Amino acid sequence: SDSQKPQDERQEMLRQDIQAEKRLLEGLQTLFSELKNKSEEIN
């Protein structure tokens, strides 16, 4: 049900967690590509 206030707070917390996880994922993917490039440069 959309009318429950605790549910709204929980939804907002979940949205924030999803956004934080997406930022983390982007950072990890960037780091992975940088490591891959460095490895190729060293080889």
PDB file of all heavy atoms in Angstrom:
ATOM      1  N   SER A   1       0.837  -1.212   0.000  1.00  0.00           N
ATOM      2  CA  SER A   1       0.000   0.000   0.000  1.00  0.00           C
ATOM      3  C   SER A   1       0.867   1.256   0.000  1.00  0.00           C
ATOM      4  O   SER A   1       1.863   1.347   0.702  1.00  0.00           O
ATOM      5  CB  SER A   1      -0.929  -0.003   1.206  1.00  0.00           C
ATOM      6  OG  SER A   1      -0.182   0.158   2.389  1.00  0.00           O
ATOM      7  N   ASP A   2       0.467   2.220  -0.829  1.00  0.00           N
ATOM      8  CA  ASP A   2       1.218   3.453  -0.985  1.00  0.00           C
ATOM      9  C   ASP A   2       0.961   4.448   0.131  1.00  0.00           C
ATOM     10  O   ASP A   2       1.688   5.418   0.292  1.00  0.00           O
ATOM     11  CB  ASP A   2       0.873   4.118  -2.329  1.00  0.00           C
ATOM     12  CG  ASP A   2       1.336   3.273  -3.499  1.00  0.00           C
ATOM     13  OD1 ASP A   2       2.333   2.552  -3.324  1.00  0.00           O
ATOM     14  OD2 ASP A   2       0.695   3.339  -4.564  1.00  0.00           O
ATOM     15  N   SER A   3      -0.064   4.256   0.901  1.00  0.00           N
ATOM     16  CA  SER A   3      -0.448   5.236   1.909  1.00  0.00           C
ATOM     17  C   SER A   3       0.315   5.096   3.224  1.00  0.00           C
ATOM     18  O   SER A   3       0.205   5.950   4.091  1.00  0.00           O
ATOM     19  CB  SER A   3      -1.948   5.164   2.170  1.00  0.00           C
ATOM     20  OG  SER A   3      -2.259   3.892   2.700  1.00  0.00           O
ATOM     21  N   GLN A   4       1.063   4.034   3.384  1.00  0.00           N
ATOM     22  CA  GLN A   4       1.759   3.815   4.644  1.00  0.00           C
ATOM     23  C   GLN A   4       3.031   4.662   4.703  1.00  0.00           C
ATOM     24  O   GLN A   4       3.892   4.567   3.843  1.00  0.00           O
ATOM     25  CB  GLN A   4       2.114   2.349   4.814  1.00  0.00           C
ATOM     26  CG  GLN A   4       0.911   1.441   4.923  1.00  0.00           C
ATOM     27  CD  GLN A   4       1.323  -0.016   5.034  1.00  0.00           C
ATOM     28  OE1 GLN A   4       2.492  -0.342   4.939  1.00  0.00           O
ATOM     29  NE2 GLN A   4       0.336  -0.877   5.240  1.00  0.00           N
ATOM     30  N   LYS A   5       3.133   5.488   5.725  1.00  0.00           N
ATOM     31  CA  LYS A   5       4.281   6.371   5.863  1.00  0.00           C
ATOM     32  C   LYS A   5       5.581   5.589   6.083  1.00  0.00           C
ATOM     33  O   LYS A   5       6.601   5.925   5.481  1.00  0.00           O
ATOM     34  CB  LYS A   5       4.053   7.376   6.984  1.00  0.00           C
ATOM     35  CG  LYS A   5       5.176   8.356   7.103  1.00  0.00           C
ATOM     36  CD  LYS A   5       4.721   9.623   7.742  1.00  0.00           C
ATOM     37  CE  LYS A   5       5.885  10.552   7.843  1.00  0.00           C
ATOM     38  NZ  LYS A   5       5.749  11.763   7.128  1.00  0.00           N
ATOM     39  N   PRO A   6       5.612   4.560   6.950  1.00  0.00           N
ATOM     40  CA  PRO A   6       6.864   3.807   7.117  1.00  0.00           C
ATOM     41  C   PRO A   6       7.350   3.199   5.791  1.00  0.00           C
ATOM     42  O   PRO A   6       8.544   3.111   5.546  1.00  0.00           O
ATOM     43  CB  PRO A   6       6.517   2.720   8.126  1.00  0.00           C
ATOM     44  CG  PRO A   6       5.345   3.235   8.876  1.00  0.00           C
ATOM     45  CD  PRO A   6       4.599   4.102   7.895  1.00  0.00           C
ATOM     46  N   GLN A   7       6.407   2.822   4.926  1.00  0.00           N
ATOM     47  CA  GLN A   7       6.792   2.274   3.628  1.00  0.00           C
ATOM     48  C   GLN A   7       7.472   3.338   2.776  1.00  0.00           C
ATOM     49  O   GLN A   7       8.420   3.052   2.058  1.00  0.00           O
ATOM     50  CB  GLN A   7       5.572   1.706   2.899  1.00  0.00           C
ATOM     51  CG  GLN A   7       5.022   0.442   3.488  1.00  0.00           C
ATOM     52  CD  GLN A   7       5.996  -0.722   3.392  1.00  0.00           C
ATOM     53  OE1 GLN A   7       6.918  -0.730   2.600  1.00  0.00           O
ATOM     54  NE2 GLN A   7       5.786  -1.712   4.237  1.00  0.00           N
ATOM     55  N   ASP A   8       6.975   4.579   2.851  1.00  0.00           N
ATOM     56  CA  ASP A   8       7.581   5.666   2.079  1.00  0.00           C
ATOM     57  C   ASP A   8       9.022   5.905   2.520  1.00  0.00           C
ATOM     58  O   ASP A   8       9.902   6.098   1.695  1.00  0.00           O
ATOM     59  CB  ASP A   8       6.770   6.961   2.240  1.00  0.00           C
ATOM     60  CG  ASP A   8       5.405   6.887   1.572  1.00  0.00           C
ATOM     61  OD1 ASP A   8       5.239   6.019   0.686  1.00  0.00           O
ATOM     62  OD2 ASP A   8       4.522   7.681   1.932  1.00  0.00           O
ATOM     63  N   GLU A   9       9.231   5.868   3.824  1.00  0.00           N
ATOM     64  CA  GLU A   9      10.592   6.051   4.345  1.00  0.00           C
ATOM     65  C   GLU A   9      11.491   4.903   3.909  1.00  0.00           C
ATOM     66  O   GLU A   9      12.650   5.117   3.542  1.00  0.00           O
ATOM     67  CB  GLU A   9      10.554   6.158   5.872  1.00  0.00           C
ATOM     68  CG  GLU A   9       9.901   7.422   6.377  1.00  0.00           C
ATOM     69  CD  GLU A   9       9.732   7.427   7.883  1.00  0.00           C
ATOM     70  OE1 GLU A   9      10.242   6.501   8.558  1.00  0.00           O
ATOM     71  OE2 GLU A   9       9.085   8.356   8.383  1.00  0.00           O
ATOM     72  N   ARG A  10      10.952   3.720   3.945  1.00  0.00           N
ATOM     73  CA  ARG A  10      11.738   2.542   3.532  1.00  0.00           C
ATOM     74  C   ARG A  10      12.062   2.617   2.050  1.00  0.00           C
ATOM     75  O   ARG A  10      13.181   2.305   1.627  1.00  0.00           O
ATOM     76  CB  ARG A  10      10.962   1.262   3.830  1.00  0.00           C
ATOM     77  CG  ARG A  10      11.757   0.022   3.507  1.00  0.00           C
ATOM     78  CD  ARG A  10      11.267  -1.168   4.281  1.00  0.00           C
ATOM     79  NE  ARG A  10      12.230  -2.241   4.168  1.00  0.00           N
ATOM     80  CZ  ARG A  10      12.039  -3.327   3.424  1.00  0.00           C
ATOM     81  NH1 ARG A  10      10.925  -3.494   2.770  1.00  0.00           N
ATOM     82  NH2 ARG A  10      12.968  -4.250   3.358  1.00  0.00           N
ATOM     83  N   GLN A  11      11.100   3.041   1.237  1.00  0.00           N
ATOM     84  CA  GLN A  11      11.338   3.183  -0.196  1.00  0.00           C
ATOM     85  C   GLN A  11      12.447   4.201  -0.465  1.00  0.00           C
ATOM     86  O   GLN A  11      13.309   3.969  -1.314  1.00  0.00           O
ATOM     87  CB  GLN A  11      10.059   3.606  -0.916  1.00  0.00           C
ATOM     88  CG  GLN A  11       9.022   2.524  -1.018  1.00  0.00           C
ATOM     89  CD  GLN A  11       7.714   3.027  -1.594  1.00  0.00           C
ATOM     90  OE1 GLN A  11       7.465   4.224  -1.663  1.00  0.00           O
ATOM     91  NE2 GLN A  11       6.858   2.093  -2.000  1.00  0.00           N
ATOM     92  N   GLU A  12      12.414   5.306   0.250  1.00  0.00           N
ATOM     93  CA  GLU A  12      13.443   6.331   0.065  1.00  0.00           C
ATOM     94  C   GLU A  12      14.817   5.796   0.464  1.00  0.00           C
ATOM     95  O   GLU A  12      15.812   6.045  -0.219  1.00  0.00           O
ATOM     96  CB  GLU A  12      13.096   7.588   0.879  1.00  0.00           C
ATOM     97  CG  GLU A  12      14.039   8.734   0.637  1.00  0.00           C
ATOM     98  CD  GLU A  12      14.123   9.158  -0.807  1.00  0.00           C
ATOM     99  OE1 GLU A  12      13.118   9.069  -1.549  1.00  0.00           O
ATOM    100  OE2 GLU A  12      15.222   9.581  -1.235  1.00  0.00           O
ATOM    101  N   MET A  13      14.873   5.041   1.555  1.00  0.00           N
ATOM    102  CA  MET A  13      16.140   4.435   1.976  1.00  0.00           C
ATOM    103  C   MET A  13      16.648   3.462   0.922  1.00  0.00           C
ATOM    104  O   MET A  13      17.838   3.440   0.607  1.00  0.00           O
ATOM    105  CB  MET A  13      15.973   3.725   3.320  1.00  0.00           C
ATOM    106  CG  MET A  13      15.844   4.670   4.496  1.00  0.00           C
ATOM    107  SD  MET A  13      15.534   3.842   6.081  1.00  0.00           S
ATOM    108  CE  MET A  13      16.640   2.482   6.067  1.00  0.00           C
ATOM    109  N   LEU A  14      15.736   2.668   0.355  1.00  0.00           N
ATOM    110  CA  LEU A  14      16.132   1.718  -0.685  1.00  0.00           C
ATOM    111  C   LEU A  14      16.634   2.445  -1.928  1.00  0.00           C
ATOM    112  O   LEU A  14      17.622   2.040  -2.533  1.00  0.00           O
ATOM    113  CB  LEU A  14      14.952   0.800  -1.039  1.00  0.00           C
ATOM    114  CG  LEU A  14      14.617  -0.276  -0.006  1.00  0.00           C
ATOM    115  CD1 LEU A  14      13.306  -0.965  -0.353  1.00  0.00           C
ATOM    116  CD2 LEU A  14      15.740  -1.288   0.096  1.00  0.00           C
ATOM    117  N   ARG A  15      15.977   3.529  -2.305  1.00  0.00           N
ATOM    118  CA  ARG A  15      16.435   4.310  -3.464  1.00  0.00           C
ATOM    119  C   ARG A  15      17.838   4.872  -3.234  1.00  0.00           C
ATOM    120  O   ARG A  15      18.679   4.848  -4.135  1.00  0.00           O
ATOM    121  CB  ARG A  15      15.447   5.443  -3.754  1.00  0.00           C
ATOM    122  CG  ARG A  15      14.173   4.996  -4.401  1.00  0.00           C
ATOM    123  CD  ARG A  15      13.300   6.181  -4.819  1.00  0.00           C
ATOM    124  NE  ARG A  15      11.977   5.732  -5.167  1.00  0.00           N
ATOM    125  CZ  ARG A  15      10.910   5.838  -4.381  1.00  0.00           C
ATOM    126  NH1 ARG A  15      10.994   6.443  -3.200  1.00  0.00           N
ATOM    127  NH2 ARG A  15       9.742   5.377  -4.774  1.00  0.00           N
ATOM    128  N   GLN A  16      18.060   5.372  -2.025  1.00  0.00           N
ATOM    129  CA  GLN A  16      19.381   5.898  -1.700  1.00  0.00           C
ATOM    130  C   GLN A  16      20.442   4.792  -1.731  1.00  0.00           C
ATOM    131  O   GLN A  16      21.553   5.000  -2.220  1.00  0.00           O
ATOM    132  CB  GLN A  16      19.361   6.585  -0.328  1.00  0.00           C
ATOM    133  CG  GLN A  16      18.592   7.875  -0.311  1.00  0.00           C
ATOM    134  CD  GLN A  16      18.475   8.457   1.087  1.00  0.00           C
ATOM    135  OE1 GLN A  16      18.939   7.872   2.075  1.00  0.00           O
ATOM    136  NE2 GLN A  16      17.838   9.617   1.187  1.00  0.00           N
ATOM    137  N   ASP A  17      20.088   3.631  -1.207  1.00  0.00           N
ATOM    138  CA  ASP A  17      21.018   2.503  -1.229  1.00  0.00           C
ATOM    139  C   ASP A  17      21.328   2.068  -2.658  1.00  0.00           C
ATOM    140  O   ASP A  17      22.479   1.740  -2.987  1.00  0.00           O
ATOM    141  CB  ASP A  17      20.445   1.319  -0.443  1.00  0.00           C
ATOM    142  CG  ASP A  17      20.442   1.556   1.060  1.00  0.00           C
ATOM    143  OD1 ASP A  17      21.117   2.505   1.517  1.00  0.00           O
ATOM    144  OD2 ASP A  17      19.754   0.789   1.768  1.00  0.00           O
ATOM    145  N   ILE A  18      20.321   2.075  -3.508  1.00  0.00           N
ATOM    146  CA  ILE A  18      20.518   1.693  -4.911  1.00  0.00           C
ATOM    147  C   ILE A  18      21.451   2.692  -5.594  1.00  0.00           C
ATOM    148  O   ILE A  18      22.375   2.296  -6.324  1.00  0.00           O
ATOM    149  CB  ILE A  18      19.168   1.591  -5.651  1.00  0.00           C
ATOM    150  CG1 ILE A  18      18.391   0.380  -5.142  1.00  0.00           C
ATOM    151  CG2 ILE A  18      19.374   1.505  -7.161  1.00  0.00           C
ATOM    152  CD1 ILE A  18      16.942   0.324  -5.609  1.00  0.00           C
ATOM    153  N   GLN A  19      21.241   3.975  -5.352  1.00  0.00           N
ATOM    154  CA  GLN A  19      22.103   4.991  -5.951  1.00  0.00           C
ATOM    155  C   GLN A  19      23.538   4.853  -5.453  1.00  0.00           C
ATOM    156  O   GLN A  19      24.485   4.966  -6.241  1.00  0.00           O
ATOM    157  CB  GLN A  19      21.562   6.398  -5.645  1.00  0.00           C
ATOM    158  CG  GLN A  19      20.293   6.738  -6.376  1.00  0.00           C
ATOM    159  CD  GLN A  19      20.462   6.658  -7.881  1.00  0.00           C
ATOM    160  OE1 GLN A  19      21.466   7.090  -8.424  1.00  0.00           O
ATOM    161  NE2 GLN A  19      19.483   6.086  -8.551  1.00  0.00           N
ATOM    162  N   ALA A  20      23.708   4.603  -4.165  1.00  0.00           N
ATOM    163  CA  ALA A  20      25.055   4.425  -3.608  1.00  0.00           C
ATOM    164  C   ALA A  20      25.730   3.201  -4.221  1.00  0.00           C
ATOM    165  O   ALA A  20      26.925   3.234  -4.558  1.00  0.00           O
ATOM    166  CB  ALA A  20      24.979   4.287  -2.091  1.00  0.00           C
ATOM    167  N   GLU A  21      24.974   2.143  -4.389  1.00  0.00           N
ATOM    168  CA  GLU A  21      25.530   0.920  -4.980  1.00  0.00           C
ATOM    169  C   GLU A  21      25.920   1.150  -6.436  1.00  0.00           C
ATOM    170  O   GLU A  21      26.944   0.656  -6.904  1.00  0.00           O
ATOM    171  CB  GLU A  21      24.519  -0.215  -4.856  1.00  0.00           C
ATOM    172  CG  GLU A  21      25.094  -1.593  -5.008  1.00  0.00           C
ATOM    173  CD  GLU A  21      26.034  -1.992  -3.887  1.00  0.00           C
ATOM    174  OE1 GLU A  21      25.780  -1.667  -2.718  1.00  0.00           O
ATOM    175  OE2 GLU A  21      27.050  -2.645  -4.191  1.00  0.00           O
ATOM    176  N   LYS A  22      25.118   1.928  -7.162  1.00  0.00           N
ATOM    177  CA  LYS A  22      25.443   2.236  -8.560  1.00  0.00           C
ATOM    178  C   LYS A  22      26.710   3.080  -8.652  1.00  0.00           C
ATOM    179  O   LYS A  22      27.535   2.857  -9.532  1.00  0.00           O
ATOM    180  CB  LYS A  22      24.275   2.952  -9.233  1.00  0.00           C
ATOM    181  CG  LYS A  22      23.123   2.034  -9.558  1.00  0.00           C
ATOM    182  CD  LYS A  22      22.001   2.759 -10.262  1.00  0.00           C
ATOM    183  CE  LYS A  22      20.855   1.801 -10.568  1.00  0.00           C
ATOM    184  NZ  LYS A  22      19.746   2.461 -11.247  1.00  0.00           N
ATOM    185  N   ARG A  23      26.865   4.042  -7.740  1.00  0.00           N
ATOM    186  CA  ARG A  23      28.097   4.853  -7.736  1.00  0.00           C
ATOM    187  C   ARG A  23      29.308   3.981  -7.425  1.00  0.00           C
ATOM    188  O   ARG A  23      30.363   4.132  -8.042  1.00  0.00           O
ATOM    189  CB  ARG A  23      27.980   5.993  -6.727  1.00  0.00           C
ATOM    190  CG  ARG A  23      27.087   7.127  -7.193  1.00  0.00           C
ATOM    191  CD  ARG A  23      27.197   8.345  -6.282  1.00  0.00           C
ATOM    192  NE  ARG A  23      26.887   8.057  -4.887  1.00  0.00           N
ATOM    193  CZ  ARG A  23      25.682   8.119  -4.340  1.00  0.00           C
ATOM    194  NH1 ARG A  23      24.645   8.473  -5.078  1.00  0.00           N
ATOM    195  NH2 ARG A  23      25.498   7.845  -3.070  1.00  0.00           N
ATOM    196  N   LEU A  24      29.141   3.074  -6.476  1.00  0.00           N
ATOM    197  CA  LEU A  24      30.222   2.152  -6.133  1.00  0.00           C
ATOM    198  C   LEU A  24      30.578   1.285  -7.333  1.00  0.00           C
ATOM    199  O   LEU A  24      31.759   1.094  -7.646  1.00  0.00           O
ATOM    200  CB  LEU A  24      29.822   1.277  -4.945  1.00  0.00           C
ATOM    201  CG  LEU A  24      30.804   0.177  -4.561  1.00  0.00           C
ATOM    202  CD1 LEU A  24      32.092   0.773  -4.021  1.00  0.00           C
ATOM    203  CD2 LEU A  24      30.180  -0.746  -3.531  1.00  0.00           C
ATOM    204  N   LEU A  25      29.579   0.779  -8.011  1.00  0.00           N
ATOM    205  CA  LEU A  25      29.804  -0.067  -9.178  1.00  0.00           C
ATOM    206  C   LEU A  25      30.545   0.689 -10.277  1.00  0.00           C
ATOM    207  O   LEU A  25      31.484   0.155 -10.875  1.00  0.00           O
ATOM    208  CB  LEU A  25      28.470  -0.603  -9.710  1.00  0.00           C
ATOM    209  CG  LEU A  25      28.527  -1.528 -10.912  1.00  0.00           C
ATOM    210  CD1 LEU A  25      29.361  -2.755 -10.616  1.00  0.00           C
ATOM    211  CD2 LEU A  25      27.127  -1.925 -11.337  1.00  0.00           C
ATOM    212  N   GLU A  26      30.150   1.926 -10.523  1.00  0.00           N
ATOM    213  CA  GLU A  26      30.836   2.740 -11.526  1.00  0.00           C
ATOM    214  C   GLU A  26      32.300   2.942 -11.157  1.00  0.00           C
ATOM    215  O   GLU A  26      33.186   2.845 -12.000  1.00  0.00           O
ATOM    216  CB  GLU A  26      30.146   4.091 -11.686  1.00  0.00           C
ATOM    217  CG  GLU A  26      28.807   4.019 -12.368  1.00  0.00           C
ATOM    218  CD  GLU A  26      28.054   5.346 -12.336  1.00  0.00           C
ATOM    219  OE1 GLU A  26      28.618   6.354 -11.856  1.00  0.00           O
ATOM    220  OE2 GLU A  26      26.907   5.365 -12.802  1.00  0.00           O
ATOM    221  N   GLY A  27      32.556   3.216  -9.883  1.00  0.00           N
ATOM    222  CA  GLY A  27      33.933   3.392  -9.419  1.00  0.00           C
ATOM    223  C   GLY A  27      34.756   2.126  -9.574  1.00  0.00           C
ATOM    224  O   GLY A  27      35.918   2.169 -10.004  1.00  0.00           O
ATOM    225  N   LEU A  28      34.157   0.991  -9.232  1.00  0.00           N
ATOM    226  CA  LEU A  28      34.864  -0.287  -9.363  1.00  0.00           C
ATOM    227  C   LEU A  28      35.167  -0.603 -10.826  1.00  0.00           C
ATOM    228  O   LEU A  28      36.256  -1.086 -11.159  1.00  0.00           O
ATOM    229  CB  LEU A  28      34.032  -1.415  -8.748  1.00  0.00           C
ATOM    230  CG  LEU A  28      33.886  -1.412  -7.229  1.00  0.00           C
ATOM    231  CD1 LEU A  28      32.900  -2.476  -6.781  1.00  0.00           C
ATOM    232  CD2 LEU A  28      35.231  -1.609  -6.558  1.00  0.00           C
ATOM    233  N   GLN A  29      34.212  -0.327 -11.702  1.00  0.00           N
ATOM    234  CA  GLN A  29      34.428  -0.586 -13.119  1.00  0.00           C
ATOM    235  C   GLN A  29      35.511   0.326 -13.689  1.00  0.00           C
ATOM    236  O   GLN A  29      36.328  -0.110 -14.506  1.00  0.00           O
ATOM    237  CB  GLN A  29      33.124  -0.430 -13.892  1.00  0.00           C
ATOM    238  CG  GLN A  29      32.149  -1.541 -13.612  1.00  0.00           C
ATOM    239  CD  GLN A  29      30.780  -1.325 -14.228  1.00  0.00           C
ATOM    240  OE1 GLN A  29      30.354  -0.203 -14.452  1.00  0.00           O
ATOM    241  NE2 GLN A  29      30.074  -2.421 -14.486  1.00  0.00           N
ATOM    242  N   THR A  30      35.539   1.578 -13.244  1.00  0.00           N
ATOM    243  CA  THR A  30      36.584   2.504 -13.683  1.00  0.00           C
ATOM    244  C   THR A  30      37.947   2.016 -13.208  1.00  0.00           C
ATOM    245  O   THR A  30      38.909   1.997 -13.980  1.00  0.00           O
ATOM    246  CB  THR A  30      36.309   3.921 -13.125  1.00  0.00           C
ATOM    247  OG1 THR A  30      35.044   4.364 -13.595  1.00  0.00           O
ATOM    248  CG2 THR A  30      37.379   4.894 -13.550  1.00  0.00           C
ATOM    249  N   LEU A  31      38.020   1.617 -11.951  1.00  0.00           N
ATOM    250  CA  LEU A  31      39.268   1.111 -11.405  1.00  0.00           C
ATOM    251  C   LEU A  31      39.724  -0.138 -12.148  1.00  0.00           C
ATOM    252  O   LEU A  31      40.907  -0.295 -12.466  1.00  0.00           O
ATOM    253  CB  LEU A  31      39.103   0.817  -9.913  1.00  0.00           C
ATOM    254  CG  LEU A  31      40.330   0.320  -9.171  1.00  0.00           C
ATOM    255  CD1 LEU A  31      41.462   1.321  -9.254  1.00  0.00           C
ATOM    256  CD2 LEU A  31      39.982   0.040  -7.714  1.00  0.00           C
ATOM    257  N   PHE A  32      38.784  -1.025 -12.458  1.00  0.00           N
ATOM    258  CA  PHE A  32      39.122  -2.244 -13.187  1.00  0.00           C
ATOM    259  C   PHE A  32      39.710  -1.912 -14.556  1.00  0.00           C
ATOM    260  O   PHE A  32      40.726  -2.486 -14.956  1.00  0.00           O
ATOM    261  CB  PHE A  32      37.885  -3.129 -13.336  1.00  0.00           C
ATOM    262  CG  PHE A  32      38.148  -4.392 -14.107  1.00  0.00           C
ATOM    263  CD1 PHE A  32      38.793  -5.458 -13.518  1.00  0.00           C
ATOM    264  CD2 PHE A  32      37.762  -4.503 -15.435  1.00  0.00           C
ATOM    265  CE1 PHE A  32      39.043  -6.622 -14.229  1.00  0.00           C
ATOM    266  CE2 PHE A  32      38.010  -5.657 -16.150  1.00  0.00           C
ATOM    267  CZ  PHE A  32      38.655  -6.716 -15.546  1.00  0.00           C
ATOM    268  N   SER A  33      39.089  -0.976 -15.269  1.00  0.00           N
ATOM    269  CA  SER A  33      39.603  -0.630 -16.598  1.00  0.00           C
ATOM    270  C   SER A  33      40.973   0.040 -16.502  1.00  0.00           C
ATOM    271  O   SER A  33      41.846  -0.197 -17.338  1.00  0.00           O
ATOM    272  CB  SER A  33      38.613   0.242 -17.363  1.00  0.00           C
ATOM    273  OG  SER A  33      38.469   1.494 -16.734  1.00  0.00           O
ATOM    274  N   GLU A  34      41.189   0.857 -15.466  1.00  0.00           N
ATOM    275  CA  GLU A  34      42.503   1.481 -15.275  1.00  0.00           C
ATOM    276  C   GLU A  34      43.569   0.433 -14.983  1.00  0.00           C
ATOM    277  O   GLU A  34      44.682   0.516 -15.512  1.00  0.00           O
ATOM    278  CB  GLU A  34      42.438   2.507 -14.143  1.00  0.00           C
ATOM    279  CG  GLU A  34      41.666   3.758 -14.501  1.00  0.00           C
ATOM    280  CD  GLU A  34      41.481   4.693 -13.320  1.00  0.00           C
ATOM    281  OE1 GLU A  34      41.984   4.406 -12.211  1.00  0.00           O
ATOM    282  OE2 GLU A  34      40.826   5.735 -13.507  1.00  0.00           O
ATOM    283  N   LEU A  35      43.238  -0.539 -14.139  1.00  0.00           N
ATOM    284  CA  LEU A  35      44.195  -1.607 -13.839  1.00  0.00           C
ATOM    285  C   LEU A  35      44.517  -2.421 -15.084  1.00  0.00           C
ATOM    286  O   LEU A  35      45.671  -2.785 -15.326  1.00  0.00           O
ATOM    287  CB  LEU A  35      43.651  -2.523 -12.739  1.00  0.00           C
ATOM    288  CG  LEU A  35      43.700  -1.992 -11.320  1.00  0.00           C
ATOM    289  CD1 LEU A  35      43.031  -2.980 -10.370  1.00  0.00           C
ATOM    290  CD2 LEU A  35      45.118  -1.725 -10.880  1.00  0.00           C
ATOM    291  N   LYS A  36      43.507  -2.682 -15.878  1.00  0.00           N
ATOM    292  CA  LYS A  36      43.708  -3.444 -17.108  1.00  0.00           C
ATOM    293  C   LYS A  36      44.629  -2.674 -18.062  1.00  0.00           C
ATOM    294  O   LYS A  36      45.559  -3.258 -18.642  1.00  0.00           O
ATOM    295  CB  LYS A  36      42.357  -3.708 -17.770  1.00  0.00           C
ATOM    296  CG  LYS A  36      42.419  -4.599 -18.975  1.00  0.00           C
ATOM    297  CD  LYS A  36      41.022  -4.853 -19.518  1.00  0.00           C
ATOM    298  CE  LYS A  36      41.089  -5.629 -20.801  1.00  0.00           C
ATOM    299  NZ  LYS A  36      39.757  -5.822 -21.382  1.00  0.00           N
ATOM    300  N   ASN A  37      44.396  -1.373 -18.186  1.00  0.00           N
ATOM    301  CA  ASN A  37      45.242  -0.548 -19.054  1.00  0.00           C
ATOM    302  C   ASN A  37      46.680  -0.496 -18.550  1.00  0.00           C
ATOM    303  O   ASN A  37      47.626  -0.587 -19.344  1.00  0.00           O
ATOM    304  CB  ASN A  37      44.677   0.868 -19.167  1.00  0.00           C
ATOM    305  CG  ASN A  37      43.398   0.921 -19.956  1.00  0.00           C
ATOM    306  OD1 ASN A  37      43.098   0.029 -20.745  1.00  0.00           O
ATOM    307  ND2 ASN A  37      42.616   1.952 -19.724  1.00  0.00           N
ATOM    308  N   LYS A  38      46.865  -0.346 -17.254  1.00  0.00           N
ATOM    309  CA  LYS A  38      48.213  -0.312 -16.678  1.00  0.00           C
ATOM    310  C   LYS A  38      48.930  -1.628 -16.921  1.00  0.00           C
ATOM    311  O   LYS A  38      50.122  -1.646 -17.245  1.00  0.00           O
ATOM    312  CB  LYS A  38      48.165  -0.015 -15.177  1.00  0.00           C
ATOM    313  CG  LYS A  38      47.928   1.407 -14.851  1.00  0.00           C
ATOM    314  CD  LYS A  38      49.106   2.246 -15.268  1.00  0.00           C
ATOM    315  CE  LYS A  38      48.833   3.694 -14.993  1.00  0.00           C
ATOM    316  NZ  LYS A  38      49.821   4.576 -15.551  1.00  0.00           N
ATOM    317  N   SER A  39      48.218  -2.713 -16.742  1.00  0.00           N
ATOM    318  CA  SER A  39      48.818  -4.022 -16.973  1.00  0.00           C
ATOM    319  C   SER A  39      49.285  -4.156 -18.426  1.00  0.00           C
ATOM    320  O   SER A  39      50.387  -4.637 -18.695  1.00  0.00           O
ATOM    321  CB  SER A  39      47.813  -5.118 -16.634  1.00  0.00           C
ATOM    322  OG  SER A  39      48.352  -6.381 -16.879  1.00  0.00           O
ATOM    323  N   GLU A  40      48.455  -3.712 -19.359  1.00  0.00           N
ATOM    324  CA  GLU A  40      48.827  -3.760 -20.771  1.00  0.00           C
ATOM    325  C   GLU A  40      50.026  -2.870 -21.054  1.00  0.00           C
ATOM    326  O   GLU A  40      50.931  -3.251 -21.801  1.00  0.00           O
ATOM    327  CB  GLU A  40      47.644  -3.356 -21.647  1.00  0.00           C
ATOM    328  CG  GLU A  40      46.524  -4.372 -21.653  1.00  0.00           C
ATOM    329  CD  GLU A  40      45.266  -3.885 -22.352  1.00  0.00           C
ATOM    330  OE1 GLU A  40      45.253  -2.738 -22.864  1.00  0.00           O
ATOM    331  OE2 GLU A  40      44.297  -4.651 -22.395  1.00  0.00           O
ATOM    332  N   GLU A  41      50.066  -1.682 -20.460  1.00  0.00           N
ATOM    333  CA  GLU A  41      51.191  -0.773 -20.653  1.00  0.00           C
ATOM    334  C   GLU A  41      52.488  -1.384 -20.135  1.00  0.00           C
ATOM    335  O   GLU A  41      53.530  -1.277 -20.772  1.00  0.00           O
ATOM    336  CB  GLU A  41      50.933   0.559 -19.941  1.00  0.00           C
ATOM    337  CG  GLU A  41      49.880   1.414 -20.584  1.00  0.00           C
ATOM    338  CD  GLU A  41      49.557   2.650 -19.761  1.00  0.00           C
ATOM    339  OE1 GLU A  41      50.273   2.951 -18.768  1.00  0.00           O
ATOM    340  OE2 GLU A  41      48.571   3.333 -20.100  1.00  0.00           O
ATOM    341  N   ILE A  42      52.427  -2.022 -18.981  1.00  0.00           N
ATOM    342  CA  ILE A  42      53.614  -2.643 -18.408  1.00  0.00           C
ATOM    343  C   ILE A  42      54.083  -3.800 -19.275  1.00  0.00           C
ATOM    344  O   ILE A  42      55.278  -3.962 -19.519  1.00  0.00           O
ATOM    345  CB  ILE A  42      53.349  -3.093 -16.955  1.00  0.00           C
ATOM    346  CG1 ILE A  42      53.152  -1.871 -16.061  1.00  0.00           C
ATOM    347  CG2 ILE A  42      54.485  -3.964 -16.435  1.00  0.00           C
ATOM    348  CD1 ILE A  42      52.657  -2.189 -14.667  1.00  0.00           C
ATOM    349  N   ASN A  43      53.149  -4.606 -19.768  1.00  0.00           N
ATOM    350  CA  ASN A  43      53.526  -5.718 -20.652  1.00  0.00           C
ATOM    351  C   ASN A  43      54.176  -5.206 -21.929  1.00  0.00           C
ATOM    352  O   ASN A  43      55.153  -5.792 -22.409  1.00  0.00           O
ATOM    353  CB  ASN A  43      52.306  -6.575 -20.984  1.00  0.00           C
ATOM    354  CG  ASN A  43      51.947  -7.511 -19.857  1.00  0.00           C
ATOM    355  OD1 ASN A  43      52.813  -8.000 -19.140  1.00  0.00           O
ATOM    356  ND2 ASN A  43      50.663  -7.753 -19.671  1.00  0.00           N
TER     357      ASN A  43
END
